[in-house]
Amino acid sequence: MINFEFVASKLLDVCVSLWLRVYGDRIDLEEVDVGSGCRKKFSKKKVTVTMLYNYLLTECKCLDVEDYCQLYILLDISEFLLPNRNGTVFVSLFKIVDDLTSLVKYNWGGVVYEYLVGSLCNASVVLKKQLHRKHFYVVGCVYLLQVSKFVFLEFYVVAF
């Protein structure tokens, strides 16, 4: 429900609204142990979006173009497509950005959609169990909710 209107959101909406492919290799966000050159740049166990941003700002002159691009793309994915409340970067993403040429082989639309829908389902369960709660936090690309509504309405207007 968006703005008190039910809007059907499907995986295809992700493809249309965010231009993400909805087929390809699955991305496992639960993966915890990856061998990654990108990941080795950070000594702490948990890497956050803030750490990535600060690293890019302080080390930009020392990084070669490929390393800078890998970290910048990782920052974009973590901040826009797969954000979470504590700003942590999914470990599995480090391995993915290690090879920039392979970015196109992954099902980005599927992982973005599943992550957001999973968060909405969890929020729904919490709200049902705790009726006195008036708010909840949604993780994932919440921009998709707004875009999906407009894409849906645009198709509806064009069709009629």
C-alpha atoms as a PDB file:
ATOM      1  CA  MET A   1       0.000   0.000   0.000  1.00  0.00           C
ATOM      2  CA  ILE A   2       1.422   3.340  -1.031  1.00  0.00           C
ATOM      3  CA  ASN A   3      -0.343   6.511   0.007  1.00  0.00           C
ATOM      4  CA  PHE A   4      -3.429   4.441   0.904  1.00  0.00           C
ATOM      5  CA  GLU A   5      -3.527   2.899  -2.569  1.00  0.00           C
ATOM      6  CA  PHE A   6      -2.624  -0.698  -3.351  1.00  0.00           C
ATOM      7  CA  VAL A   7       0.049  -0.837  -6.005  1.00  0.00           C
ATOM      8  CA  ALA A   8       1.177  -4.208  -7.225  1.00  0.00           C
ATOM      9  CA  SER A   9       4.961  -4.293  -7.266  1.00  0.00           C
ATOM     10  CA  LYS A  10       6.597  -7.102  -9.182  1.00  0.00           C
ATOM     11  CA  LEU A  11      10.112  -8.071 -10.046  1.00  0.00           C
ATOM     12  CA  LEU A  12       9.597  -6.710 -13.557  1.00  0.00           C
ATOM     13  CA  ASP A  13       8.948  -3.254 -12.037  1.00  0.00           C
ATOM     14  CA  VAL A  14      12.523  -3.301 -10.757  1.00  0.00           C
ATOM     15  CA  CYS A  15      13.755  -3.944 -14.256  1.00  0.00           C
ATOM     16  CA  VAL A  16      11.619  -1.209 -15.784  1.00  0.00           C
ATOM     17  CA  SER A  17      12.028   1.443 -13.102  1.00  0.00           C
ATOM     18  CA  LEU A  18      15.673   1.022 -12.112  1.00  0.00           C
ATOM     19  CA  TRP A  19      17.010  -0.542 -15.320  1.00  0.00           C
ATOM     20  CA  LEU A  20      18.378  -3.537 -13.459  1.00  0.00           C
ATOM     21  CA  ARG A  21      18.506  -6.935 -15.079  1.00  0.00           C
ATOM     22  CA  VAL A  22      16.240  -9.566 -13.582  1.00  0.00           C
ATOM     23  CA  TYR A  23      18.096 -12.661 -14.721  1.00  0.00           C
ATOM     24  CA  GLY A  24      21.605 -13.935 -14.238  1.00  0.00           C
ATOM     25  CA  ASP A  25      23.696 -15.304 -11.387  1.00  0.00           C
ATOM     26  CA  ARG A  26      22.160 -15.068  -7.946  1.00  0.00           C
ATOM     27  CA  ILE A  27      23.830 -12.806  -5.380  1.00  0.00           C
ATOM     28  CA  ASP A  28      24.056 -14.329  -1.907  1.00  0.00           C
ATOM     29  CA  LEU A  29      23.953 -11.480   0.607  1.00  0.00           C
ATOM     30  CA  GLU A  30      24.456 -13.936   3.467  1.00  0.00           C
ATOM     31  CA  GLU A  31      27.921 -14.988   2.287  1.00  0.00           C
ATOM     32  CA  VAL A  32      30.456 -14.089   4.969  1.00  0.00           C
ATOM     33  CA  ASP A  33      33.842 -15.392   3.884  1.00  0.00           C
ATOM     34  CA  VAL A  34      35.119 -14.112   0.582  1.00  0.00           C
ATOM     35  CA  GLY A  35      38.596 -13.790  -0.780  1.00  0.00           C
ATOM     36  CA  SER A  36      38.660 -10.276  -2.145  1.00  0.00           C
ATOM     37  CA  GLY A  37      41.366  -7.784  -2.991  1.00  0.00           C
ATOM     38  CA  CYS A  38      38.923  -4.965  -2.334  1.00  0.00           C
ATOM     39  CA  ARG A  39      38.065  -6.329   1.107  1.00  0.00           C
ATOM     40  CA  LYS A  40      41.742  -6.487   2.124  1.00  0.00           C
ATOM     41  CA  LYS A  41      41.945  -2.692   2.011  1.00  0.00           C
ATOM     42  CA  PHE A  42      39.955  -2.584   5.260  1.00  0.00           C
ATOM     43  CA  SER A  43      41.314  -4.039   8.480  1.00  0.00           C
ATOM     44  CA  LYS A  44      38.053  -3.953  10.449  1.00  0.00           C
ATOM     45  CA  LYS A  45      35.694  -6.905  10.311  1.00  0.00           C
ATOM     46  CA  LYS A  46      32.661  -4.766   9.514  1.00  0.00           C
ATOM     47  CA  VAL A  47      32.982  -2.245   6.684  1.00  0.00           C
ATOM     48  CA  THR A  48      30.459   0.585   6.533  1.00  0.00           C
ATOM     49  CA  VAL A  49      29.401   3.010   3.834  1.00  0.00           C
ATOM     50  CA  THR A  50      31.039   5.797   5.854  1.00  0.00           C
ATOM     51  CA  MET A  51      34.334   3.897   5.915  1.00  0.00           C
ATOM     52  CA  LEU A  52      34.164   3.406   2.146  1.00  0.00           C
ATOM     53  CA  TYR A  53      33.401   7.069   1.570  1.00  0.00           C
ATOM     54  CA  ASN A  54      36.239   8.229   3.841  1.00  0.00           C
ATOM     55  CA  TYR A  55      38.676   5.772   2.260  1.00  0.00           C
ATOM     56  CA  LEU A  56      37.831   7.052  -1.203  1.00  0.00           C
ATOM     57  CA  LEU A  57      38.333  10.664  -0.095  1.00  0.00           C
ATOM     58  CA  THR A  58      41.623  10.107   1.724  1.00  0.00           C
ATOM     59  CA  GLU A  59      43.215   7.538  -0.569  1.00  0.00           C
ATOM     60  CA  CYS A  60      41.986   8.769  -3.956  1.00  0.00           C
ATOM     61  CA  LYS A  61      45.438   9.923  -5.056  1.00  0.00           C
ATOM     62  CA  CYS A  62      47.055   6.605  -4.086  1.00  0.00           C
ATOM     63  CA  LEU A  63      44.509   4.325  -5.766  1.00  0.00           C
ATOM     64  CA  ASP A  64      44.743   3.263  -9.375  1.00  0.00           C
ATOM     65  CA  VAL A  65      41.689   3.814 -11.550  1.00  0.00           C
ATOM     66  CA  GLU A  66      40.416   0.242 -11.312  1.00  0.00           C
ATOM     67  CA  ASP A  67      40.620   0.149  -7.499  1.00  0.00           C
ATOM     68  CA  TYR A  68      38.881   3.514  -7.257  1.00  0.00           C
ATOM     69  CA  CYS A  69      36.103   2.369  -9.610  1.00  0.00           C
ATOM     70  CA  GLN A  70      35.621  -0.878  -7.673  1.00  0.00           C
ATOM     71  CA  LEU A  71      35.217   0.957  -4.374  1.00  0.00           C
ATOM     72  CA  TYR A  72      33.024   3.664  -5.878  1.00  0.00           C
ATOM     73  CA  ILE A  73      30.673   1.091  -7.416  1.00  0.00           C
ATOM     74  CA  LEU A  74      30.629  -0.792  -4.111  1.00  0.00           C
ATOM     75  CA  LEU A  75      29.686   2.451  -2.356  1.00  0.00           C
ATOM     76  CA  ASP A  76      26.873   3.088  -4.844  1.00  0.00           C
ATOM     77  CA  ILE A  77      25.466  -0.425  -4.520  1.00  0.00           C
ATOM     78  CA  SER A  78      25.647  -0.318  -0.726  1.00  0.00           C
ATOM     79  CA  GLU A  79      24.156   3.144  -0.396  1.00  0.00           C
ATOM     80  CA  PHE A  80      21.470   3.112  -3.082  1.00  0.00           C
ATOM     81  CA  LEU A  81      20.482  -0.438  -4.053  1.00  0.00           C
ATOM     82  CA  LEU A  82      21.099  -2.390  -0.824  1.00  0.00           C
ATOM     83  CA  PRO A  83      21.192   0.076   2.087  1.00  0.00           C
ATOM     84  CA  ASN A  84      20.585  -0.983   5.672  1.00  0.00           C
ATOM     85  CA  ARG A  85      20.117   0.804   8.977  1.00  0.00           C
ATOM     86  CA  ASN A  86      23.649   0.419  10.259  1.00  0.00           C
ATOM     87  CA  GLY A  87      25.305   1.224   6.936  1.00  0.00           C
ATOM     88  CA  THR A  88      27.264  -2.019   6.676  1.00  0.00           C
ATOM     89  CA  VAL A  89      28.470  -3.296   3.343  1.00  0.00           C
ATOM     90  CA  PHE A  90      27.537  -6.875   2.482  1.00  0.00           C
ATOM     91  CA  VAL A  91      30.718  -8.942   2.393  1.00  0.00           C
ATOM     92  CA  SER A  92      29.664 -10.782  -0.766  1.00  0.00           C
ATOM     93  CA  LEU A  93      29.666  -7.507  -2.706  1.00  0.00           C
ATOM     94  CA  PHE A  94      33.430  -7.133  -2.304  1.00  0.00           C
ATOM     95  CA  LYS A  95      34.023 -10.268  -4.339  1.00  0.00           C
ATOM     96  CA  ILE A  96      31.590  -9.089  -7.012  1.00  0.00           C
ATOM     97  CA  VAL A  97      33.259  -5.703  -7.560  1.00  0.00           C
ATOM     98  CA  ASP A  98      36.710  -7.301  -7.678  1.00  0.00           C
ATOM     99  CA  ASP A  99      35.959  -8.167 -11.300  1.00  0.00           C
ATOM    100  CA  LEU A 100      34.238  -5.164 -12.880  1.00  0.00           C
ATOM    101  CA  THR A 101      33.683  -6.992 -16.158  1.00  0.00           C
ATOM    102  CA  SER A 102      31.504  -9.567 -14.402  1.00  0.00           C
ATOM    103  CA  LEU A 103      29.044  -7.032 -12.921  1.00  0.00           C
ATOM    104  CA  VAL A 104      26.688  -7.599 -15.842  1.00  0.00           C
ATOM    105  CA  LYS A 105      26.286 -11.305 -15.172  1.00  0.00           C
ATOM    106  CA  TYR A 106      24.401 -10.876 -11.878  1.00  0.00           C
ATOM    107  CA  ASN A 107      20.672 -10.690 -11.179  1.00  0.00           C
ATOM    108  CA  TRP A 108      20.730  -7.227  -9.614  1.00  0.00           C
ATOM    109  CA  GLY A 109      17.011  -6.671  -9.968  1.00  0.00           C
ATOM    110  CA  GLY A 110      16.247  -9.909  -8.146  1.00  0.00           C
ATOM    111  CA  VAL A 111      18.456  -9.176  -5.151  1.00  0.00           C
ATOM    112  CA  VAL A 112      17.215  -5.574  -4.823  1.00  0.00           C
ATOM    113  CA  TYR A 113      13.598  -6.711  -5.043  1.00  0.00           C
ATOM    114  CA  GLU A 114      13.995  -9.634  -2.619  1.00  0.00           C
ATOM    115  CA  TYR A 115      15.852  -7.496  -0.080  1.00  0.00           C
ATOM    116  CA  LEU A 116      13.200  -4.766  -0.087  1.00  0.00           C
ATOM    117  CA  VAL A 117      10.231  -7.149  -0.087  1.00  0.00           C
ATOM    118  CA  GLY A 118      11.820  -9.159   2.732  1.00  0.00           C
ATOM    119  CA  SER A 119      12.149  -5.983   4.767  1.00  0.00           C
ATOM    120  CA  LEU A 120       8.525  -5.025   4.098  1.00  0.00           C
ATOM    121  CA  CYS A 121       7.377  -8.513   5.122  1.00  0.00           C
ATOM    122  CA  ASN A 122       9.359  -8.285   8.361  1.00  0.00           C
ATOM    123  CA  ALA A 123       7.866  -4.868   9.058  1.00  0.00           C
ATOM    124  CA  SER A 124       4.384  -6.238   8.447  1.00  0.00           C
ATOM    125  CA  VAL A 125       4.941  -9.067  10.926  1.00  0.00           C
ATOM    126  CA  VAL A 126       6.260  -6.641  13.552  1.00  0.00           C
ATOM    127  CA  LEU A 127       3.310  -4.296  13.085  1.00  0.00           C
ATOM    128  CA  LYS A 128       0.821  -7.165  13.366  1.00  0.00           C
ATOM    129  CA  LYS A 129       2.420  -8.486  16.561  1.00  0.00           C
ATOM    130  CA  GLN A 130       2.915  -5.088  18.165  1.00  0.00           C
ATOM    131  CA  LEU A 131      -0.253  -3.164  17.427  1.00  0.00           C
ATOM    132  CA  HIS A 132       0.869  -0.166  19.465  1.00  0.00           C
ATOM    133  CA  ARG A 133       3.862   0.483  17.183  1.00  0.00           C
ATOM    134  CA  LYS A 134       3.401   3.442  14.916  1.00  0.00           C
ATOM    135  CA  HIS A 135       6.584   3.191  12.869  1.00  0.00           C
ATOM    136  CA  PHE A 136       9.152   0.728  11.594  1.00  0.00           C
ATOM    137  CA  TYR A 137      12.351   0.812   9.606  1.00  0.00           C
ATOM    138  CA  VAL A 138      12.508  -0.501   6.067  1.00  0.00           C
ATOM    139  CA  VAL A 139      15.830  -1.463   4.560  1.00  0.00           C
ATOM    140  CA  GLY A 140      16.516  -1.787   0.887  1.00  0.00           C
ATOM    141  CA  CYS A 141      15.967   0.458  -2.079  1.00  0.00           C
ATOM    142  CA  VAL A 142      12.875   2.291  -0.827  1.00  0.00           C
ATOM    143  CA  TYR A 143      13.187   4.550  -3.862  1.00  0.00           C
ATOM    144  CA  LEU A 144      11.757   1.589  -5.739  1.00  0.00           C
ATOM    145  CA  LEU A 145       8.450   2.024  -3.895  1.00  0.00           C
ATOM    146  CA  GLN A 146       8.067   5.553  -5.206  1.00  0.00           C
ATOM    147  CA  VAL A 147       9.270   4.749  -8.704  1.00  0.00           C
ATOM    148  CA  SER A 148       7.079   1.635  -8.959  1.00  0.00           C
ATOM    149  CA  LYS A 149       3.994   3.671  -8.216  1.00  0.00           C
ATOM    150  CA  PHE A 150       4.771   6.152 -10.970  1.00  0.00           C
ATOM    151  CA  VAL A 151       5.758   3.443 -13.453  1.00  0.00           C
ATOM    152  CA  PHE A 152       2.508   1.624 -12.693  1.00  0.00           C
ATOM    153  CA  LEU A 153       0.461   4.817 -13.158  1.00  0.00           C
ATOM    154  CA  GLU A 154       2.339   5.746 -16.316  1.00  0.00           C
ATOM    155  CA  PHE A 155       1.626   2.346 -17.887  1.00  0.00           C
ATOM    156  CA  TYR A 156      -1.974   2.610 -16.761  1.00  0.00           C
ATOM    157  CA  VAL A 157      -2.412   6.059 -18.369  1.00  0.00           C
ATOM    158  CA  VAL A 158      -0.648   5.019 -21.593  1.00  0.00           C
ATOM    159  CA  ALA A 159      -2.738   1.853 -21.868  1.00  0.00           C
ATOM    160  CA  PHE A 160      -6.011   3.720 -21.633  1.00  0.00           C
END
